[in-house]
Amino acid sequence: MKYRLLSFCTAVLLLISMISVPRIEAANSTETFKDSADTKIVKLLEALGLMEIDSETGFFWDEMPVKRSELAKIICKMFNISETKDASPHFTDVSDYDRAAPNGTGHIKAGLNYAMSLHAIVEAHEQGYAENMYLDSATRTKVEETGGANFLFVTKDGKVVTPKSSTILPSITRRSLVYVAKEYLGLEVEERPVYFDEVKDFAECGLCGTAAVISPVGKIVDHGKEICLPSGMDEMGPVTKKLYETLTGIQMGRIEAPKGWIQVIE
C-alpha cells in the first residue's frame, strides 16, 4: 500500500482559502469563478505552473468555466507528490531538520507550516521512508510530529499517549481520536511531552490526520538504528484498529456521533 502525504496539497488549498472567501461548491454545482478574488487564484495557479495565461487576451473564466470543486480536485491530483514506489507506510525516519522554531508559529494551521516539511520529505522518500519524525528543535529529545500528521502511541497496557507541545499543529483528527478513546472505548489517555527514548517501549504507533485517519507505523529508523514496534508492519495494532474503526464508523454514520459532530445538509 502506497502512502500519500497530502501536506503540499493542503498548503496550496490553504493558500487558496486565504485568497478566496467564497466556499468550494458541491461536485454537481455549475458555478464558475468570476469574482475579483478569483483573479488572484489564477495568478497563483500560473505561478505554480498549473496554467498559462494568454499575454494578449488574458484568461477569462467565462471562456473556460471551472467548477470550484473541480479546481480542488485538480490541485489535489497535481500535487500528490509523495507517492513513491519505494516508500512504505510503516517506515518513519528521524529527521535532522526542524519543522518549527521554539516560540514560533508551529502550532498555527498555516500553509507555510506544511510547506516547511517538503524538502525533508523528498529526502525521506529518496531513502525509502514514508515519513519523517520531527523532534523538538530546542532540545531534540521529544517527539513532535511529521510534516502532515500527528503521532499517536499506545502503551503495552493499552493507554493512549499523544505528544503535547506548543509547536505541534493541533490536529482535529487527533482530538477526535482522543475523544473516541475516552468516551467510546473507555481508554486512559495521556496528552504530554513524549521523549524519544520512550518510543522503543510503546506497543503501537500511528500517524493521524484527515486523509488516512490513522496510518500504522511499525518501524522508526534513527540514523541507521531501527526501532521495531510489536505491531504496524503487517497490520494495525488492536487499539489503533479499534480507534480507526470507531472514528470512521462515526464519520460514515454506522455509529452514533457525539452531538454537534455531524451536520446534515439538505
C-alpha atoms as a PDB file:
ATOM      1  CA  MET A   1       0.000   0.000   0.000  1.00  0.00           C
ATOM      2  CA  LYS A   2       1.397   3.351  -1.011  1.00  0.00           C
ATOM      3  CA  TYR A   3       1.364   6.179   1.480  1.00  0.00           C
ATOM      4  CA  ARG A   4       0.128   9.506   0.201  1.00  0.00           C
ATOM      5  CA  LEU A   5       1.247  12.589   2.066  1.00  0.00           C
ATOM      6  CA  LEU A   6      -1.078  15.489   1.321  1.00  0.00           C
ATOM      7  CA  SER A   7       0.831  18.233   3.108  1.00  0.00           C
ATOM      8  CA  PHE A   8       1.710  20.205  -0.013  1.00  0.00           C
ATOM      9  CA  CYS A   9      -1.790  19.829  -1.383  1.00  0.00           C
ATOM     10  CA  THR A  10      -3.096  21.111   1.928  1.00  0.00           C
ATOM     11  CA  ALA A  11      -0.735  24.077   1.813  1.00  0.00           C
ATOM     12  CA  VAL A  12      -1.976  25.070  -1.642  1.00  0.00           C
ATOM     13  CA  LEU A  13      -5.594  24.700  -0.611  1.00  0.00           C
ATOM     14  CA  LEU A  14      -4.947  26.803   2.475  1.00  0.00           C
ATOM     15  CA  LEU A  15      -3.428  29.499   0.315  1.00  0.00           C
ATOM     16  CA  ILE A  16      -6.493  29.436  -1.898  1.00  0.00           C
ATOM     17  CA  SER A  17      -8.780  29.590   1.106  1.00  0.00           C
ATOM     18  CA  MET A  18      -6.974  32.713   2.310  1.00  0.00           C
ATOM     19  CA  ILE A  19      -7.247  34.325  -1.109  1.00  0.00           C
ATOM     20  CA  SER A  20     -10.805  33.371  -1.996  1.00  0.00           C
ATOM     21  CA  VAL A  21     -13.542  33.884   0.562  1.00  0.00           C
ATOM     22  CA  PRO A  22     -16.349  32.018  -1.302  1.00  0.00           C
ATOM     23  CA  ARG A  23     -16.611  28.375  -0.401  1.00  0.00           C
ATOM     24  CA  ILE A  24     -15.898  25.401  -2.649  1.00  0.00           C
ATOM     25  CA  GLU A  25     -19.164  24.347  -4.230  1.00  0.00           C
ATOM     26  CA  ALA A  26     -20.551  20.815  -4.282  1.00  0.00           C
ATOM     27  CA  ALA A  27     -19.497  18.483  -7.073  1.00  0.00           C
ATOM     28  CA  ASN A  28     -22.742  18.965  -9.016  1.00  0.00           C
ATOM     29  CA  SER A  29     -22.559  22.758  -8.907  1.00  0.00           C
ATOM     30  CA  THR A  30     -22.293  24.759 -12.133  1.00  0.00           C
ATOM     31  CA  GLU A  31     -20.963  27.924 -10.506  1.00  0.00           C
ATOM     32  CA  THR A  32     -17.790  29.273 -12.089  1.00  0.00           C
ATOM     33  CA  PHE A  33     -15.055  31.624 -10.907  1.00  0.00           C
ATOM     34  CA  LYS A  34     -15.905  35.228 -11.784  1.00  0.00           C
ATOM     35  CA  ASP A  35     -15.189  37.462  -8.824  1.00  0.00           C
ATOM     36  CA  SER A  36     -12.098  39.595  -8.419  1.00  0.00           C
ATOM     37  CA  ALA A  37     -10.635  37.373  -5.699  1.00  0.00           C
ATOM     38  CA  ASP A  38     -10.540  34.507  -8.164  1.00  0.00           C
ATOM     39  CA  THR A  39      -8.216  36.525 -10.408  1.00  0.00           C
ATOM     40  CA  LYS A  40      -5.644  36.124  -7.646  1.00  0.00           C
ATOM     41  CA  ILE A  41      -6.209  32.374  -7.728  1.00  0.00           C
ATOM     42  CA  VAL A  42      -5.497  32.344 -11.470  1.00  0.00           C
ATOM     43  CA  LYS A  43      -2.245  34.203 -10.856  1.00  0.00           C
ATOM     44  CA  LEU A  44      -1.340  31.724  -8.110  1.00  0.00           C
ATOM     45  CA  LEU A  45      -2.005  28.752 -10.390  1.00  0.00           C
ATOM     46  CA  GLU A  46       0.021  30.380 -13.146  1.00  0.00           C
ATOM     47  CA  ALA A  47       2.925  30.919 -10.748  1.00  0.00           C
ATOM     48  CA  LEU A  48       2.720  27.267  -9.728  1.00  0.00           C
ATOM     49  CA  GLY A  49       2.808  26.219 -13.365  1.00  0.00           C
ATOM     50  CA  LEU A  50      -0.701  24.782 -13.390  1.00  0.00           C
ATOM     51  CA  MET A  51      -1.973  27.000 -16.196  1.00  0.00           C
ATOM     52  CA  GLU A  52      -0.811  29.589 -18.696  1.00  0.00           C
ATOM     53  CA  ILE A  53      -2.471  32.955 -19.195  1.00  0.00           C
ATOM     54  CA  ASP A  54      -2.563  34.439 -22.682  1.00  0.00           C
ATOM     55  CA  SER A  55      -0.466  37.612 -22.571  1.00  0.00           C
ATOM     56  CA  GLU A  56      -2.685  39.383 -25.112  1.00  0.00           C
ATOM     57  CA  THR A  57      -6.210  38.359 -24.199  1.00  0.00           C
ATOM     58  CA  GLY A  58      -5.695  37.253 -20.633  1.00  0.00           C
ATOM     59  CA  PHE A  59      -7.613  34.403 -19.050  1.00  0.00           C
ATOM     60  CA  PHE A  60     -11.363  34.572 -18.699  1.00  0.00           C
ATOM     61  CA  TRP A  61     -13.346  32.140 -16.575  1.00  0.00           C
ATOM     62  CA  ASP A  62     -16.306  32.607 -18.939  1.00  0.00           C
ATOM     63  CA  GLU A  63     -14.293  31.090 -21.761  1.00  0.00           C
ATOM     64  CA  MET A  64     -13.135  28.183 -19.636  1.00  0.00           C
ATOM     65  CA  PRO A  65     -15.654  27.553 -16.855  1.00  0.00           C
ATOM     66  CA  VAL A  66     -14.183  25.590 -13.972  1.00  0.00           C
ATOM     67  CA  LYS A  67     -16.241  24.418 -11.020  1.00  0.00           C
ATOM     68  CA  ARG A  68     -14.763  25.222  -7.645  1.00  0.00           C
ATOM     69  CA  SER A  69     -14.897  21.562  -6.701  1.00  0.00           C
ATOM     70  CA  GLU A  70     -13.092  20.605  -9.912  1.00  0.00           C
ATOM     71  CA  LEU A  71     -10.315  23.088  -9.177  1.00  0.00           C
ATOM     72  CA  ALA A  72      -9.787  21.490  -5.778  1.00  0.00           C
ATOM     73  CA  LYS A  73      -9.631  18.039  -7.376  1.00  0.00           C
ATOM     74  CA  ILE A  74      -7.134  19.227  -9.983  1.00  0.00           C
ATOM     75  CA  ILE A  75      -4.844  20.716  -7.365  1.00  0.00           C
ATOM     76  CA  CYS A  76      -5.009  17.581  -5.208  1.00  0.00           C
ATOM     77  CA  LYS A  77      -4.107  15.411  -8.176  1.00  0.00           C
ATOM     78  CA  MET A  78      -1.329  17.657  -9.417  1.00  0.00           C
ATOM     79  CA  PHE A  79       0.338  17.922  -6.033  1.00  0.00           C
ATOM     80  CA  ASN A  80       0.121  14.311  -4.925  1.00  0.00           C
ATOM     81  CA  ILE A  81       3.914  14.404  -4.950  1.00  0.00           C
ATOM     82  CA  SER A  82       4.504  11.943  -2.138  1.00  0.00           C
ATOM     83  CA  GLU A  83       3.501   8.786  -3.946  1.00  0.00           C
ATOM     84  CA  THR A  84       6.676   6.793  -4.379  1.00  0.00           C
ATOM     85  CA  LYS A  85       7.103   3.167  -5.292  1.00  0.00           C
ATOM     86  CA  ASP A  86       9.744   2.618  -2.624  1.00  0.00           C
ATOM     87  CA  ALA A  87       8.268   4.357   0.411  1.00  0.00           C
ATOM     88  CA  SER A  88       6.454   2.166   2.894  1.00  0.00           C
ATOM     89  CA  PRO A  89       3.703   3.462   5.191  1.00  0.00           C
ATOM     90  CA  HIS A  90       5.314   1.594   8.057  1.00  0.00           C
ATOM     91  CA  PHE A  91       8.747   3.216   7.950  1.00  0.00           C
ATOM     92  CA  THR A  92       9.490   6.559   9.564  1.00  0.00           C
ATOM     93  CA  ASP A  93      12.857   8.305   9.674  1.00  0.00           C
ATOM     94  CA  VAL A  94      14.045  10.619  12.451  1.00  0.00           C
ATOM     95  CA  SER A  95      14.737  13.866  10.643  1.00  0.00           C
ATOM     96  CA  ASP A  96      17.724  16.137  11.146  1.00  0.00           C
ATOM     97  CA  TYR A  97      15.548  19.059  10.098  1.00  0.00           C
ATOM     98  CA  ASP A  98      13.394  21.187  12.390  1.00  0.00           C
ATOM     99  CA  ARG A  99       9.790  21.779  11.360  1.00  0.00           C
ATOM    100  CA  ALA A 100       9.140  24.667  13.748  1.00  0.00           C
ATOM    101  CA  ALA A 101      11.152  27.008  15.959  1.00  0.00           C
ATOM    102  CA  PRO A 102      10.653  27.471  19.705  1.00  0.00           C
ATOM    103  CA  ASN A 103       8.235  30.311  20.492  1.00  0.00           C
ATOM    104  CA  GLY A 104       7.309  30.453  16.822  1.00  0.00           C
ATOM    105  CA  THR A 105       4.110  29.757  14.928  1.00  0.00           C
ATOM    106  CA  GLY A 106       4.441  25.985  14.543  1.00  0.00           C
ATOM    107  CA  HIS A 107       1.099  25.489  16.282  1.00  0.00           C
ATOM    108  CA  ILE A 108      -0.801  27.613  13.752  1.00  0.00           C
ATOM    109  CA  LYS A 109      -2.743  25.998  10.899  1.00  0.00           C
ATOM    110  CA  ALA A 110      -0.947  27.992   8.212  1.00  0.00           C
ATOM    111  CA  GLY A 111       0.120  26.777   4.792  1.00  0.00           C
ATOM    112  CA  LEU A 112       3.788  27.524   5.380  1.00  0.00           C
ATOM    113  CA  ASN A 113       3.890  25.150   8.340  1.00  0.00           C
ATOM    114  CA  TYR A 114       3.075  22.318   5.929  1.00  0.00           C
ATOM    115  CA  ALA A 115       5.417  23.578   3.224  1.00  0.00           C
ATOM    116  CA  MET A 116       8.335  23.611   5.678  1.00  0.00           C
ATOM    117  CA  SER A 117       8.424  19.818   5.516  1.00  0.00           C
ATOM    118  CA  LEU A 118       8.567  19.462   1.711  1.00  0.00           C
ATOM    119  CA  HIS A 119      12.335  19.315   1.249  1.00  0.00           C
ATOM    120  CA  ALA A 120      12.723  16.895   4.153  1.00  0.00           C
ATOM    121  CA  ILE A 121      10.011  14.539   2.891  1.00  0.00           C
ATOM    122  CA  VAL A 122      11.588  14.382  -0.568  1.00  0.00           C
ATOM    123  CA  GLU A 123      14.852  13.273   1.042  1.00  0.00           C
ATOM    124  CA  ALA A 124      12.994  10.722   3.171  1.00  0.00           C
ATOM    125  CA  HIS A 125      11.298   9.236   0.106  1.00  0.00           C
ATOM    126  CA  GLU A 126      14.609   9.003  -1.703  1.00  0.00           C
ATOM    127  CA  GLN A 127      15.883   6.910   1.207  1.00  0.00           C
ATOM    128  CA  GLY A 128      12.794   4.675   1.162  1.00  0.00           C
ATOM    129  CA  TYR A 129      10.894   6.136   4.112  1.00  0.00           C
ATOM    130  CA  ALA A 130       7.270   7.201   4.056  1.00  0.00           C
ATOM    131  CA  GLU A 131       7.601   9.998   6.569  1.00  0.00           C
ATOM    132  CA  ASN A 132       9.841  11.998   8.879  1.00  0.00           C
ATOM    133  CA  MET A 133       9.650  12.098  12.647  1.00  0.00           C
ATOM    134  CA  TYR A 134      10.432  15.620  13.801  1.00  0.00           C
ATOM    135  CA  LEU A 135      11.897  16.168  17.256  1.00  0.00           C
ATOM    136  CA  ASP A 136      11.574  19.389  19.212  1.00  0.00           C
ATOM    137  CA  SER A 137      14.027  21.936  17.882  1.00  0.00           C
ATOM    138  CA  ALA A 138      15.018  23.238  21.335  1.00  0.00           C
ATOM    139  CA  THR A 139      16.394  20.026  22.853  1.00  0.00           C
ATOM    140  CA  ARG A 140      15.878  17.387  20.105  1.00  0.00           C
ATOM    141  CA  THR A 141      14.800  14.920  22.782  1.00  0.00           C
ATOM    142  CA  LYS A 142      10.994  14.990  22.434  1.00  0.00           C
ATOM    143  CA  VAL A 143       8.732  13.665  19.675  1.00  0.00           C
ATOM    144  CA  GLU A 144       6.817  16.372  17.818  1.00  0.00           C
ATOM    145  CA  GLU A 145       5.024  15.222  14.645  1.00  0.00           C
ATOM    146  CA  THR A 146       5.506  14.550  10.935  1.00  0.00           C
ATOM    147  CA  GLY A 147       5.090  17.072   8.157  1.00  0.00           C
ATOM    148  CA  GLY A 148       1.376  16.400   7.822  1.00  0.00           C
ATOM    149  CA  ALA A 149       0.226  14.219  10.717  1.00  0.00           C
ATOM    150  CA  ASN A 150       0.324  13.915  14.493  1.00  0.00           C
ATOM    151  CA  PHE A 151       1.747  10.920  16.332  1.00  0.00           C
ATOM    152  CA  LEU A 152      -0.369   8.652  18.489  1.00  0.00           C
ATOM    153  CA  PHE A 153       1.190   5.933  20.658  1.00  0.00           C
ATOM    154  CA  VAL A 154      -0.257   3.053  22.658  1.00  0.00           C
ATOM    155  CA  THR A 155       1.479   1.645  25.720  1.00  0.00           C
ATOM    156  CA  LYS A 156       1.746  -2.077  26.457  1.00  0.00           C
ATOM    157  CA  ASP A 157      -1.091  -1.782  28.963  1.00  0.00           C
ATOM    158  CA  GLY A 158      -3.409  -0.139  26.432  1.00  0.00           C
ATOM    159  CA  LYS A 159      -3.022   3.525  27.356  1.00  0.00           C
ATOM    160  CA  VAL A 160      -3.216   6.056  24.508  1.00  0.00           C
ATOM    161  CA  VAL A 161      -0.445   8.678  24.531  1.00  0.00           C
ATOM    162  CA  THR A 162      -0.189  11.729  22.267  1.00  0.00           C
ATOM    163  CA  PRO A 163       2.701  14.228  22.274  1.00  0.00           C
ATOM    164  CA  LYS A 164       1.942  17.659  23.689  1.00  0.00           C
ATOM    165  CA  SER A 165       3.959  20.679  22.619  1.00  0.00           C
ATOM    166  CA  SER A 166       3.482  24.356  21.848  1.00  0.00           C
ATOM    167  CA  THR A 167       4.903  23.810  18.347  1.00  0.00           C
ATOM    168  CA  ILE A 168       2.686  20.915  17.212  1.00  0.00           C
ATOM    169  CA  LEU A 169      -0.131  21.583  14.768  1.00  0.00           C
ATOM    170  CA  PRO A 170      -3.476  20.989  16.529  1.00  0.00           C
ATOM    171  CA  SER A 171      -4.900  18.083  14.543  1.00  0.00           C
ATOM    172  CA  ILE A 172      -8.691  17.820  14.568  1.00  0.00           C
ATOM    173  CA  THR A 173      -8.343  14.103  13.812  1.00  0.00           C
ATOM    174  CA  ARG A 174      -6.092  13.631  16.830  1.00  0.00           C
ATOM    175  CA  ARG A 175      -8.584  15.467  19.049  1.00  0.00           C
ATOM    176  CA  SER A 176     -11.371  13.291  17.672  1.00  0.00           C
ATOM    177  CA  LEU A 177      -9.400  10.108  18.343  1.00  0.00           C
ATOM    178  CA  VAL A 178      -8.649  11.249  21.892  1.00  0.00           C
ATOM    179  CA  TYR A 179     -12.379  11.814  22.459  1.00  0.00           C
ATOM    180  CA  VAL A 180     -13.222   8.419  20.954  1.00  0.00           C
ATOM    181  CA  ALA A 181     -10.603   6.710  23.120  1.00  0.00           C
ATOM    182  CA  LYS A 182     -12.003   8.271  26.295  1.00  0.00           C
ATOM    183  CA  GLU A 183     -15.739   8.395  25.671  1.00  0.00           C
ATOM    184  CA  TYR A 184     -16.370   5.432  23.355  1.00  0.00           C
ATOM    185  CA  LEU A 185     -13.663   2.920  24.259  1.00  0.00           C
ATOM    186  CA  GLY A 186     -13.102   3.847  27.897  1.00  0.00           C
ATOM    187  CA  LEU A 187      -9.341   4.064  27.444  1.00  0.00           C
ATOM    188  CA  GLU A 188      -6.968   6.108  29.535  1.00  0.00           C
ATOM    189  CA  VAL A 189      -5.401   8.937  27.530  1.00  0.00           C
ATOM    190  CA  GLU A 190      -2.306  10.997  28.249  1.00  0.00           C
ATOM    191  CA  GLU A 191      -1.513  14.191  26.365  1.00  0.00           C
ATOM    192  CA  ARG A 192       2.023  15.008  27.470  1.00  0.00           C
ATOM    193  CA  PRO A 193       5.586  15.506  26.251  1.00  0.00           C
ATOM    194  CA  VAL A 194       6.834  12.224  24.783  1.00  0.00           C
ATOM    195  CA  TYR A 195      10.575  11.692  24.932  1.00  0.00           C
ATOM    196  CA  PHE A 196      12.164   9.913  22.010  1.00  0.00           C
ATOM    197  CA  ASP A 197      13.797   7.451  24.416  1.00  0.00           C
ATOM    198  CA  GLU A 198      10.291   6.199  25.265  1.00  0.00           C
ATOM    199  CA  VAL A 199       9.372   5.235  21.710  1.00  0.00           C
ATOM    200  CA  LYS A 200      11.025   1.817  21.870  1.00  0.00           C
ATOM    201  CA  ASP A 201       8.764   0.865  24.787  1.00  0.00           C
ATOM    202  CA  PHE A 202       5.427   1.547  23.071  1.00  0.00           C
ATOM    203  CA  ALA A 203       3.274  -1.290  21.745  1.00  0.00           C
ATOM    204  CA  GLU A 204       1.693   0.653  18.879  1.00  0.00           C
ATOM    205  CA  CYS A 205       2.341   3.802  16.876  1.00  0.00           C
ATOM    206  CA  GLY A 206       0.215   5.590  14.335  1.00  0.00           C
ATOM    207  CA  LEU A 207       0.111   8.783  12.316  1.00  0.00           C
ATOM    208  CA  CYS A 208      -3.240  10.539  12.484  1.00  0.00           C
ATOM    209  CA  GLY A 209      -4.590  13.060  10.015  1.00  0.00           C
ATOM    210  CA  THR A 210      -7.575  13.931   7.865  1.00  0.00           C
ATOM    211  CA  ALA A 211      -6.758  11.792   4.834  1.00  0.00           C
ATOM    212  CA  ALA A 212      -5.906   8.448   6.418  1.00  0.00           C
ATOM    213  CA  VAL A 213      -7.382   8.884   9.938  1.00  0.00           C
ATOM    214  CA  ILE A 214      -4.636   6.590  11.299  1.00  0.00           C
ATOM    215  CA  SER A 215      -1.738   5.048   9.397  1.00  0.00           C
ATOM    216  CA  PRO A 216       0.209   2.405  11.335  1.00  0.00           C
ATOM    217  CA  VAL A 217       3.936   2.751  11.901  1.00  0.00           C
ATOM    218  CA  GLY A 218       5.904  -0.419  12.557  1.00  0.00           C
ATOM    219  CA  LYS A 219       9.467   0.802  12.319  1.00  0.00           C
ATOM    220  CA  ILE A 220      11.255   4.044  13.148  1.00  0.00           C
ATOM    221  CA  VAL A 221      14.843   4.497  12.000  1.00  0.00           C
ATOM    222  CA  ASP A 222      17.155   6.824  13.895  1.00  0.00           C
ATOM    223  CA  HIS A 223      20.239   7.320  11.742  1.00  0.00           C
ATOM    224  CA  GLY A 224      20.544   3.638  10.955  1.00  0.00           C
ATOM    225  CA  LYS A 225      19.315   2.370  14.311  1.00  0.00           C
ATOM    226  CA  GLU A 226      16.000   0.578  13.911  1.00  0.00           C
ATOM    227  CA  ILE A 227      13.209   0.711  16.466  1.00  0.00           C
ATOM    228  CA  CYS A 228      10.771  -2.087  15.634  1.00  0.00           C
ATOM    229  CA  LEU A 229       7.350  -1.933  17.269  1.00  0.00           C
ATOM    230  CA  PRO A 230       5.304  -5.082  18.038  1.00  0.00           C
ATOM    231  CA  SER A 231       2.626  -4.043  15.519  1.00  0.00           C
ATOM    232  CA  GLY A 232       2.282  -1.839  12.481  1.00  0.00           C
ATOM    233  CA  MET A 233       4.347  -3.677   9.890  1.00  0.00           C
ATOM    234  CA  ASP A 234       1.683  -6.100   8.647  1.00  0.00           C
ATOM    235  CA  GLU A 235      -1.424  -4.569  10.184  1.00  0.00           C
ATOM    236  CA  MET A 236      -2.669  -2.091  12.752  1.00  0.00           C
ATOM    237  CA  GLY A 237      -2.321  -2.913  16.399  1.00  0.00           C
ATOM    238  CA  PRO A 238      -5.544  -3.819  18.237  1.00  0.00           C
ATOM    239  CA  VAL A 239      -6.047  -0.447  19.939  1.00  0.00           C
ATOM    240  CA  THR A 240      -5.135   1.562  16.849  1.00  0.00           C
ATOM    241  CA  LYS A 241      -7.506  -0.549  14.766  1.00  0.00           C
ATOM    242  CA  LYS A 242     -10.354  -0.061  17.232  1.00  0.00           C
ATOM    243  CA  LEU A 243      -9.785   3.688  17.225  1.00  0.00           C
ATOM    244  CA  TYR A 244      -9.796   3.709  13.429  1.00  0.00           C
ATOM    245  CA  GLU A 245     -12.933   1.606  13.130  1.00  0.00           C
ATOM    246  CA  THR A 246     -14.808   3.671  15.703  1.00  0.00           C
ATOM    247  CA  LEU A 247     -13.969   7.085  14.255  1.00  0.00           C
ATOM    248  CA  THR A 248     -14.630   6.034  10.652  1.00  0.00           C
ATOM    249  CA  GLY A 249     -17.845   4.395  11.849  1.00  0.00           C
ATOM    250  CA  ILE A 250     -18.933   7.752  13.265  1.00  0.00           C
ATOM    251  CA  GLN A 251     -17.930   9.525  10.056  1.00  0.00           C
ATOM    252  CA  MET A 252     -19.895   7.071   7.909  1.00  0.00           C
ATOM    253  CA  GLY A 253     -22.967   7.062  10.118  1.00  0.00           C
ATOM    254  CA  ARG A 254     -22.606   3.478  11.318  1.00  0.00           C
ATOM    255  CA  ILE A 255     -22.035   4.646  14.892  1.00  0.00           C
ATOM    256  CA  GLU A 256     -23.956   7.418  16.592  1.00  0.00           C
ATOM    257  CA  ALA A 257     -21.906  10.600  16.604  1.00  0.00           C
ATOM    258  CA  PRO A 258     -21.384  12.966  19.522  1.00  0.00           C
ATOM    259  CA  LYS A 259     -23.718  15.943  19.483  1.00  0.00           C
ATOM    260  CA  GLY A 260     -22.556  18.596  17.053  1.00  0.00           C
ATOM    261  CA  TRP A 261     -20.075  16.416  15.171  1.00  0.00           C
ATOM    262  CA  ILE A 262     -22.215  15.820  12.091  1.00  0.00           C
ATOM    263  CA  GLN A 263     -24.342  18.380  10.298  1.00  0.00           C
ATOM    264  CA  VAL A 264     -26.857  17.130   7.742  1.00  0.00           C
ATOM    265  CA  ILE A 265     -27.124  19.454   4.732  1.00  0.00           C
ATOM    266  CA  GLU A 266     -30.444  19.208   2.888  1.00  0.00           C
END
